[in-house]
Structures are given as structure tokens and as C-alpha cells.
C-alpha atoms as a PDB file:
ATOM      1  CA  ASP A   1      11.160 -12.530   3.496  1.00  0.00           C
ATOM      2  CA  GLU A   2       8.408 -15.159   3.498  1.00  0.00           C
ATOM      3  CA  ASP A   3       9.580 -16.615   6.806  1.00  0.00           C
ATOM      4  CA  LEU A   4       9.092 -13.291   8.575  1.00  0.00           C
ATOM      5  CA  LEU A   5       5.586 -13.022   7.125  1.00  0.00           C
ATOM      6  CA  VAL A   6       4.430 -16.248   8.777  1.00  0.00           C
ATOM      7  CA  THR A   7       6.547 -16.692  11.913  1.00  0.00           C
ATOM      8  CA  SER A   8       4.715 -16.040  15.167  1.00  0.00           C
ATOM      9  CA  LEU A   9       5.048 -12.588  16.721  1.00  0.00           C
ATOM     10  CA  ALA A  10       5.299 -13.670  20.331  1.00  0.00           C
ATOM     11  CA  LEU A  11       7.324 -16.215  22.240  1.00  0.00           C
ATOM     12  CA  PRO A  12       5.603 -18.787  24.489  1.00  0.00           C
ATOM     13  CA  PRO A  13       4.875 -17.631  28.065  1.00  0.00           C
ATOM     14  CA  GLN A  14       7.868 -19.502  29.504  1.00  0.00           C
ATOM     15  CA  ARG A  15      10.133 -17.190  27.482  1.00  0.00           C
ATOM     16  CA  TRP A  16       8.530 -13.952  28.689  1.00  0.00           C
ATOM     17  CA  LEU A  17      10.562 -11.596  30.847  1.00  0.00           C
ATOM     18  CA  ARG A  18       9.480 -11.485  34.465  1.00  0.00           C
ATOM     19  CA  HIS A  19       9.801  -9.244  37.513  1.00  0.00           C
ATOM     20  CA  ALA A  20       9.752  -5.945  35.609  1.00  0.00           C
ATOM     21  CA  LYS A  21       9.975  -2.899  37.867  1.00  0.00           C
ATOM     22  CA  GLY A  22       9.284   0.671  36.797  1.00  0.00           C
ATOM     23  CA  ALA A  23       8.160   2.196  33.523  1.00  0.00           C
ATOM     24  CA  LEU A  24      11.220   1.341  31.426  1.00  0.00           C
ATOM     25  CA  GLU A  25      11.415  -2.322  32.406  1.00  0.00           C
ATOM     26  CA  SER A  26       7.659  -2.612  31.895  1.00  0.00           C
ATOM     27  CA  ARG A  27       7.986  -1.261  28.320  1.00  0.00           C
ATOM     28  CA  VAL A  28      10.838  -3.658  27.614  1.00  0.00           C
ATOM     29  CA  ALA A  29       8.896  -6.620  28.989  1.00  0.00           C
ATOM     30  CA  ARG A  30       5.783  -5.572  27.036  1.00  0.00           C
ATOM     31  CA  ALA A  31       7.720  -5.314  23.762  1.00  0.00           C
ATOM     32  CA  TRP A  32       9.304  -8.720  24.332  1.00  0.00           C
ATOM     33  CA  LYS A  33       5.976 -10.300  25.228  1.00  0.00           C
ATOM     34  CA  ARG A  34       4.262  -8.909  22.117  1.00  0.00           C
ATOM     35  CA  TYR A  35       7.036  -9.246  19.527  1.00  0.00           C
ATOM     36  CA  GLY A  36       9.823 -11.370  21.032  1.00  0.00           C
ATOM     37  CA  ASN A  37       9.882 -14.172  18.481  1.00  0.00           C
ATOM     38  CA  LEU A  38       9.818 -11.820  15.507  1.00  0.00           C
ATOM     39  CA  LEU A  39      12.440  -9.580  17.123  1.00  0.00           C
ATOM     40  CA  LEU A  40      14.747 -12.591  17.483  1.00  0.00           C
ATOM     41  CA  ARG A  41      14.364 -13.322  13.757  1.00  0.00           C
ATOM     42  CA  VAL A  42      14.810  -9.684  12.719  1.00  0.00           C
ATOM     43  CA  ALA A  43      17.918  -9.301  14.903  1.00  0.00           C
ATOM     44  CA  GLY A  44      19.365 -12.415  13.317  1.00  0.00           C
ATOM     45  CA  ARG A  45      18.630 -11.185   9.789  1.00  0.00           C
ATOM     46  CA  LEU A  46      20.256  -7.810  10.450  1.00  0.00           C
ATOM     47  CA  GLY A  47      23.154  -9.116  12.541  1.00  0.00           C
ATOM     48  CA  ILE A  48      22.420  -6.979  15.598  1.00  0.00           C
ATOM     49  CA  ASP A  49      22.209  -7.856  19.275  1.00  0.00           C
ATOM     50  CA  VAL A  50      18.663  -8.855  20.180  1.00  0.00           C
ATOM     51  CA  ALA A  51      18.857  -6.533  23.197  1.00  0.00           C
ATOM     52  CA  LEU A  52      19.290  -3.591  20.800  1.00  0.00           C
ATOM     53  CA  ALA A  53      16.441  -4.794  18.587  1.00  0.00           C
ATOM     54  CA  VAL A  54      14.212  -4.851  21.662  1.00  0.00           C
ATOM     55  CA  ALA A  55      15.538  -1.429  22.717  1.00  0.00           C
ATOM     56  CA  VAL A  56      14.646   0.124  19.346  1.00  0.00           C
ATOM     57  CA  VAL A  57      11.026  -0.907  19.960  1.00  0.00           C
ATOM     58  CA  ALA A  58      10.922  -0.277  23.720  1.00  0.00           C
ATOM     59  CA  ALA A  59      12.384   3.221  23.320  1.00  0.00           C
ATOM     60  CA  GLU A  60       9.001   4.273  21.885  1.00  0.00           C
ATOM     61  CA  ASP A  61       6.560   5.816  24.351  1.00  0.00           C
ATOM     62  CA  ASP A  62       4.324   2.754  24.096  1.00  0.00           C
ATOM     63  CA  PRO A  63       5.329  -0.282  22.021  1.00  0.00           C
ATOM     64  CA  ARG A  64       1.741  -1.190  21.196  1.00  0.00           C
ATOM     65  CA  GLY A  65       0.557  -0.527  17.667  1.00  0.00           C
ATOM     66  CA  LEU A  66      -3.007  -1.719  18.142  1.00  0.00           C
ATOM     67  CA  ALA A  67      -5.249  -0.524  20.952  1.00  0.00           C
ATOM     68  CA  ALA A  68      -7.185  -2.878  23.211  1.00  0.00           C
ATOM     69  CA  ASP A  69     -10.027  -3.018  20.671  1.00  0.00           C
ATOM     70  CA  ASN A  70      -7.518  -3.799  17.866  1.00  0.00           C
ATOM     71  CA  GLN A  71      -7.870  -0.293  16.461  1.00  0.00           C
ATOM     72  CA  LEU A  72      -4.722   0.993  14.770  1.00  0.00           C
ATOM     73  CA  VAL A  73      -2.810   3.513  16.876  1.00  0.00           C
ATOM     74  CA  LEU A  74      -2.197   6.626  14.780  1.00  0.00           C
ATOM     75  CA  ARG A  75      -1.561  10.377  14.907  1.00  0.00           C
ATOM     76  CA  PHE A  76      -3.134  12.509  12.215  1.00  0.00           C
ATOM     77  CA  GLU A  77      -1.085  15.621  11.323  1.00  0.00           C
ATOM     78  CA  PRO A  78      -3.261  18.431   9.877  1.00  0.00           C
ATOM     79  CA  HIS A  79      -0.267  20.552   8.855  1.00  0.00           C
ATOM     80  CA  LEU A  80       1.092  17.706   6.724  1.00  0.00           C
ATOM     81  CA  PHE A  81      -2.336  17.139   5.212  1.00  0.00           C
ATOM     82  CA  PHE A  82      -2.401  20.853   4.370  1.00  0.00           C
ATOM     83  CA  GLU A  83       0.937  20.592   2.563  1.00  0.00           C
ATOM     84  CA  ARG A  84      -0.262  17.650   0.496  1.00  0.00           C
ATOM     85  CA  TRP A  85      -3.944  18.535  -0.069  1.00  0.00           C
ATOM     86  CA  GLY A  86      -5.117  21.641   1.767  1.00  0.00           C
ATOM     87  CA  ARG A  87      -2.744  24.028  -0.012  1.00  0.00           C
ATOM     88  CA  HIS A  88      -4.731  23.355  -3.184  1.00  0.00           C
ATOM     89  CA  ASN A  89      -8.098  23.239  -1.410  1.00  0.00           C
ATOM     90  CA  HIS A  90      -7.923  26.118   1.065  1.00  0.00           C
ATOM     91  CA  ALA A  91     -11.641  26.599   1.690  1.00  0.00           C
ATOM     92  CA  ARG A  92     -12.423  22.927   2.247  1.00  0.00           C
ATOM     93  CA  PHE A  93      -9.399  22.492   4.499  1.00  0.00           C
ATOM     94  CA  ALA A  94     -10.236  25.585   6.594  1.00  0.00           C
ATOM     95  CA  GLU A  95     -13.767  24.308   7.036  1.00  0.00           C
ATOM     96  CA  HIS A  96     -12.526  21.196   8.859  1.00  0.00           C
ATOM     97  CA  PHE A  97      -8.951  21.635  10.146  1.00  0.00           C
ATOM     98  CA  GLN A  98      -6.717  24.119  11.956  1.00  0.00           C
ATOM     99  CA  PHE A  99      -3.048  24.352  12.951  1.00  0.00           C
ATOM    100  CA  ASP A 100      -0.819  27.121  14.293  1.00  0.00           C
ATOM    101  CA  PRO A 101       0.857  28.802  11.271  1.00  0.00           C
ATOM    102  CA  ALA A 102       3.833  29.866  13.403  1.00  0.00           C
ATOM    103  CA  ARG A 103       4.248  26.389  14.927  1.00  0.00           C
ATOM    104  CA  PRO A 104       2.500  24.056  12.495  1.00  0.00           C
ATOM    105  CA  TRP A 105       3.132  20.991  14.649  1.00  0.00           C
ATOM    106  CA  GLN A 106       0.864  22.555  17.292  1.00  0.00           C
ATOM    107  CA  GLY A 107      -2.726  23.808  17.510  1.00  0.00           C
ATOM    108  CA  HIS A 108      -4.223  20.829  15.705  1.00  0.00           C
ATOM    109  CA  ARG A 109      -8.024  20.957  15.673  1.00  0.00           C
ATOM    110  CA  TRP A 110     -10.834  19.493  13.602  1.00  0.00           C
ATOM    111  CA  ARG A 111     -14.582  19.780  13.204  1.00  0.00           C
ATOM    112  CA  ALA A 112     -17.081  17.766  11.214  1.00  0.00           C
ATOM    113  CA  ALA A 113     -18.766  20.783   9.604  1.00  0.00           C
ATOM    114  CA  ALA A 114     -18.692  24.576   9.573  1.00  0.00           C
ATOM    115  CA  GLY A 115     -20.401  26.053  12.616  1.00  0.00           C
ATOM    116  CA  GLU A 116     -19.675  23.095  14.865  1.00  0.00           C
ATOM    117  CA  PRO A 117     -17.243  23.493  17.789  1.00  0.00           C
ATOM    118  CA  TRP A 118     -13.569  22.790  17.188  1.00  0.00           C
ATOM    119  CA  GLN A 119     -12.102  19.685  18.833  1.00  0.00           C
ATOM    120  CA  GLU A 120      -8.508  18.805  19.660  1.00  0.00           C
ATOM    121  CA  VAL A 121      -7.125  16.228  17.237  1.00  0.00           C
ATOM    122  CA  HIS A 122      -4.720  14.672  19.734  1.00  0.00           C
ATOM    123  CA  ASP A 123      -7.134  14.553  22.653  1.00  0.00           C
ATOM    124  CA  SER A 124      -7.706  10.778  22.343  1.00  0.00           C
ATOM    125  CA  LEU A 125      -7.360   7.924  19.867  1.00  0.00           C
ATOM    126  CA  ALA A 126     -11.067   8.317  19.061  1.00  0.00           C
ATOM    127  CA  SER A 127     -10.477  11.962  18.155  1.00  0.00           C
ATOM    128  CA  GLU A 128      -7.423  11.055  16.055  1.00  0.00           C
ATOM    129  CA  TRP A 129      -9.521   8.571  14.130  1.00  0.00           C
ATOM    130  CA  ALA A 130     -12.417  10.989  13.672  1.00  0.00           C
ATOM    131  CA  ALA A 131     -10.074  13.597  12.169  1.00  0.00           C
ATOM    132  CA  PHE A 132      -8.306  10.948  10.091  1.00  0.00           C
ATOM    133  CA  ASP A 133     -11.581   9.550   8.742  1.00  0.00           C
ATOM    134  CA  LEU A 134     -12.705  13.063   7.829  1.00  0.00           C
ATOM    135  CA  ALA A 135      -9.454  13.673   5.959  1.00  0.00           C
ATOM    136  CA  ARG A 136      -9.698  10.293   4.227  1.00  0.00           C
ATOM    137  CA  ALA A 137     -13.123  11.234   2.935  1.00  0.00           C
ATOM    138  CA  LEU A 138     -11.517  14.299   1.317  1.00  0.00           C
ATOM    139  CA  ASP A 139      -8.460  12.490  -0.074  1.00  0.00           C
ATOM    140  CA  LYS A 140      -7.564   8.990   1.067  1.00  0.00           C
ATOM    141  CA  THR A 141      -4.011   8.914  -0.288  1.00  0.00           C
ATOM    142  CA  ASP A 142      -2.971  12.279   1.115  1.00  0.00           C
ATOM    143  CA  ALA A 143      -4.662  11.632   4.468  1.00  0.00           C
ATOM    144  CA  CYS A 144      -2.781   8.358   4.912  1.00  0.00           C
ATOM    145  CA  ALA A 145       0.475   9.993   3.808  1.00  0.00           C
ATOM    146  CA  ALA A 146      -0.015  12.735   6.441  1.00  0.00           C
ATOM    147  CA  THR A 147      -0.557  10.323   9.340  1.00  0.00           C
ATOM    148  CA  ALA A 148       1.926   8.695  11.724  1.00  0.00           C
ATOM    149  CA  LEU A 149       0.947   5.032  11.879  1.00  0.00           C
ATOM    150  CA  GLY A 150       1.508   2.318  14.462  1.00  0.00           C
ATOM    151  CA  PHE A 151       3.668   2.093  17.562  1.00  0.00           C
ATOM    152  CA  ALA A 152       6.669   3.724  15.887  1.00  0.00           C
ATOM    153  CA  GLY A 153       4.698   6.557  14.291  1.00  0.00           C
ATOM    154  CA  THR A 154       5.785   5.539  10.797  1.00  0.00           C
ATOM    155  CA  LEU A 155       4.675   8.341   8.491  1.00  0.00           C
ATOM    156  CA  GLY A 156       2.449   7.157   5.670  1.00  0.00           C
ATOM    157  CA  ALA A 157       4.520   9.194   3.218  1.00  0.00           C
ATOM    158  CA  SER A 158       7.379   6.685   3.719  1.00  0.00           C
ATOM    159  CA  TYR A 159       5.296   3.881   2.178  1.00  0.00           C
ATOM    160  CA  ALA A 160       7.608   3.236  -0.802  1.00  0.00           C
ATOM    161  CA  ALA A 161      10.736   2.831   1.323  1.00  0.00           C
ATOM    162  CA  ALA A 162       8.805   0.362   3.493  1.00  0.00           C
ATOM    163  CA  GLY A 163       7.864  -1.724   0.456  1.00  0.00           C
ATOM    164  CA  TYR A 164       4.264  -0.627  -0.149  1.00  0.00           C
ATOM    165  CA  GLN A 165       2.559   0.663  -3.270  1.00  0.00           C
ATOM    166  CA  SER A 166       0.607   3.453  -1.562  1.00  0.00           C
ATOM    167  CA  PRO A 167       0.142   5.111   1.843  1.00  0.00           C
ATOM    168  CA  ALA A 168      -3.325   3.545   2.094  1.00  0.00           C
ATOM    169  CA  GLN A 169      -1.953   0.065   1.468  1.00  0.00           C
ATOM    170  CA  MET A 170       0.557   0.545   4.269  1.00  0.00           C
ATOM    171  CA  ALA A 171      -2.141   1.839   6.624  1.00  0.00           C
ATOM    172  CA  ASP A 172      -4.306  -1.194   5.884  1.00  0.00           C
ATOM    173  CA  ALA A 173      -1.395  -3.574   6.499  1.00  0.00           C
ATOM    174  CA  PHE A 174      -0.512  -1.863   9.775  1.00  0.00           C
ATOM    175  CA  ALA A 175      -4.141  -2.111  10.878  1.00  0.00           C
ATOM    176  CA  SER A 176      -4.242  -5.827  10.082  1.00  0.00           C
ATOM    177  CA  SER A 177      -1.280  -6.800  12.294  1.00  0.00           C
ATOM    178  CA  GLU A 178       1.503  -5.322  14.384  1.00  0.00           C
ATOM    179  CA  ARG A 179       3.822  -7.627  12.447  1.00  0.00           C
ATOM    180  CA  PHE A 180       3.840  -5.210   9.512  1.00  0.00           C
ATOM    181  CA  GLN A 181       4.478  -2.252  11.796  1.00  0.00           C
ATOM    182  CA  LEU A 182       7.539  -3.933  13.276  1.00  0.00           C
ATOM    183  CA  LEU A 183       8.894  -5.113   9.926  1.00  0.00           C
ATOM    184  CA  ALA A 184       8.479  -1.631   8.439  1.00  0.00           C
ATOM    185  CA  ARG A 185      10.282  -0.133  11.437  1.00  0.00           C
ATOM    186  CA  PHE A 186      13.348  -2.253  10.739  1.00  0.00           C
ATOM    187  CA  ASP A 187      13.043  -2.078   6.943  1.00  0.00           C
ATOM    188  CA  LEU A 188      13.266   1.703   7.151  1.00  0.00           C
ATOM    189  CA  LEU A 189      16.095   1.495   9.665  1.00  0.00           C
ATOM    190  CA  ALA A 190      18.123  -0.947   7.562  1.00  0.00           C
ATOM    191  CA  GLY A 191      17.604   0.738   4.195  1.00  0.00           C
ATOM    192  CA  PRO A 192      16.954  -0.849   0.790  1.00  0.00           C
ATOM    193  CA  ASP A 193      20.048  -3.067   0.860  1.00  0.00           C
ATOM    194  CA  GLY A 194      19.841  -3.932   4.565  1.00  0.00           C
ATOM    195  CA  ASP A 195      23.205  -2.321   5.201  1.00  0.00           C
ATOM    196  CA  SER A 196      22.485   1.297   6.110  1.00  0.00           C
ATOM    197  CA  ARG A 197      24.746   3.413   8.293  1.00  0.00           C
ATOM    198  CA  GLN A 198      22.162   3.109  11.056  1.00  0.00           C
ATOM    199  CA  VAL A 199      22.151  -0.689  11.080  1.00  0.00           C
ATOM    200  CA  THR A 200      25.961  -0.748  10.798  1.00  0.00           C
ATOM    201  CA  ALA A 201      26.134   1.444  13.900  1.00  0.00           C
ATOM    202  CA  LEU A 202      23.837  -0.953  15.764  1.00  0.00           C
ATOM    203  CA  ARG A 203      25.973  -3.921  14.692  1.00  0.00           C
ATOM    204  CA  ASN A 204      28.974  -2.128  16.168  1.00  0.00           C
ATOM    205  CA  ASN A 205      27.054  -1.174  19.329  1.00  0.00           C
ATOM    206  CA  ASP A 206      27.754   2.461  18.438  1.00  0.00           C
ATOM    207  CA  LEU A 207      24.603   4.006  19.847  1.00  0.00           C
ATOM    208  CA  GLU A 208      25.842   7.587  19.590  1.00  0.00           C
ATOM    209  CA  THR A 209      26.300   7.305  15.823  1.00  0.00           C
ATOM    210  CA  TYR A 210      22.999   5.504  15.419  1.00  0.00           C
ATOM    211  CA  ALA A 211      21.167   8.115  17.473  1.00  0.00           C
ATOM    212  CA  THR A 212      22.739  10.985  15.520  1.00  0.00           C
ATOM    213  CA  LEU A 213      21.634   9.433  12.239  1.00  0.00           C
ATOM    214  CA  ALA A 214      18.170   8.558  13.528  1.00  0.00           C
ATOM    215  CA  ALA A 215      17.290  11.688  15.474  1.00  0.00           C
ATOM    216  CA  GLY A 216      19.830  14.361  14.565  1.00  0.00           C
ATOM    217  CA  PRO A 217      22.600  15.879  16.702  1.00  0.00           C
ATOM    218  CA  GLY A 218      20.202  17.768  18.971  1.00  0.00           C
ATOM    219  CA  GLN A 219      18.440  14.592  20.156  1.00  0.00           C
ATOM    220  CA  ALA A 220      21.318  12.130  19.810  1.00  0.00           C
ATOM    221  CA  ALA A 221      22.374  12.070  23.449  1.00  0.00           C
ATOM    222  CA  ARG A 222      18.796  11.565  24.647  1.00  0.00           C
ATOM    223  CA  LEU A 223      18.068   8.748  22.194  1.00  0.00           C
ATOM    224  CA  ALA A 224      21.395   6.986  22.759  1.00  0.00           C
ATOM    225  CA  GLY A 225      20.807   7.078  26.505  1.00  0.00           C
ATOM    226  CA  ALA A 226      17.271   5.732  26.112  1.00  0.00           C
ATOM    227  CA  LEU A 227      18.425   2.878  23.894  1.00  0.00           C
ATOM    228  CA  ARG A 228      21.292   1.959  26.195  1.00  0.00           C
ATOM    229  CA  ALA A 229      19.011   1.964  29.216  1.00  0.00           C
ATOM    230  CA  ALA A 230      16.418  -0.193  27.422  1.00  0.00           C
ATOM    231  CA  ALA A 231      19.043  -2.700  26.253  1.00  0.00           C
ATOM    232  CA  GLN A 232      20.464  -2.942  29.776  1.00  0.00           C
ATOM    233  CA  ALA A 233      16.956  -3.415  31.172  1.00  0.00           C
ATOM    234  CA  PHE A 234      16.383  -6.287  28.754  1.00  0.00           C
ATOM    235  CA  GLN A 235      19.652  -7.921  29.770  1.00  0.00           C
ATOM    236  CA  ARG A 236      18.760  -7.637  33.457  1.00  0.00           C
ATOM    237  CA  LEU A 237      15.300  -9.082  32.937  1.00  0.00           C
ATOM    238  CA  ASP A 238      16.542 -11.814  30.620  1.00  0.00           C
ATOM    239  CA  ALA A 239      19.230 -12.845  33.094  1.00  0.00           C
ATOM    240  CA  GLY A 240      16.622 -12.875  35.843  1.00  0.00           C
END
């Protein structure tokens, strides 16, 4: 959609939400301030309430995809890099990365070279980037595929469904602008024909069904509650 590629991300200051109180309202106001104009367009394209479009973004822990220095927010996952690259390169992988075999989503560590002390991957954004850069030097495609990118933690391996030709191309686009992070978030939500079960549930304001599809039955109640609370916060702030 060429219009969505050029329309401004943010609304003018007079359209910002004001008087936010507490963490949730602050996230909602921050998402609206950063992406409000594009969210209005996306909501219109998909036929969903703009409050729910805002809630989908504001339900993230922090709806900012670029740090203060414009560095891409990311989370490098050593266990996923192992599955894609390390399984075939055991010695090189073990020289630089660790994860807990029993709980592979935990115990993530990296080091620049053998003999150096291990460091926690998820200790800071600088550490995430150091581990990511090290993995990219070993295999750029697999490193990007094994990394959660941007404010929504979009996994690089989902590049094709988001309309990109490679994980690295998607990572570069996400680093260039939060616009591409937001568009990918809703492209993946809506599906290839823009009419997925998830977007249909949002059109019908059926947050329980949406949350079950998006997060699974075990997390559905939590996600539905978070989305409902964020949408209600937007409506309060917008009315104010």
C-alpha cells in the first residue's frame, strides 16, 4: 500500500492524548503519540476500531521499536540460532553462546572469544546487539532469523509472511523506521488476504477469540484483559 509507505507516523501535537495516569495510560498515550496517524490508516484499512489498533500496540511492554539513539530494539535468541546454525556448527557455537538445554529459552550467554568471561545476552540492549553482531558475523541470515525485532518482537524467521525477501532485509527495514515494524505487526495479524480469523475477531470486538488465536488458550484471558484495558484507556484519554 503506497499510501501507508509515505503517510506520516504521528499526528500533530493537538491530537495527542493528554493527562495520562499510570503505566497503562502512559503506554497508550506513547503509542498514540508515536504512531497515531498510521494507526488510524491501518485501522481503516482493516475495518477495526482504532481503539483496538492502539491496544494491539500498547499491550506490548514498551511500544517503542527504536531506542533513544535510534538503535533498533531487538532480542537475540541463542537457542533459535542453535537450531538454525549451531546444530551444524557445534564447536563454533559453543565457543560463543550458551543456553539451558532443559529450558532453552533461559540461560542465554555470549562471549567474544574462548577464555573470555561469559556475559548475559539480555542484560541490556548493548549486550543484545553485541551478541547479535557476533552471530551475524557467523551467519547473517540465520542470526536475523533467530532474533525478535522491534517493539512487537517480530521474529526474523517470519520475514516472508511480512512481505520481505530475507530476514536481513526485514531487520534493515525495521532499523530504518518504526513504520515498517508497525506495518509488519498488522500484516502478520491480518494474514496474506487481510481477512484472517484474528482480524475478523477484532472487527467483531471478540477479544477472547482473538487472544486465543494470538497467544493460545493458556494466555488468552491475560491478553484479552490487557487489550480491553488498553482500549478502554484510549477511549478515556481520547474523550478527555
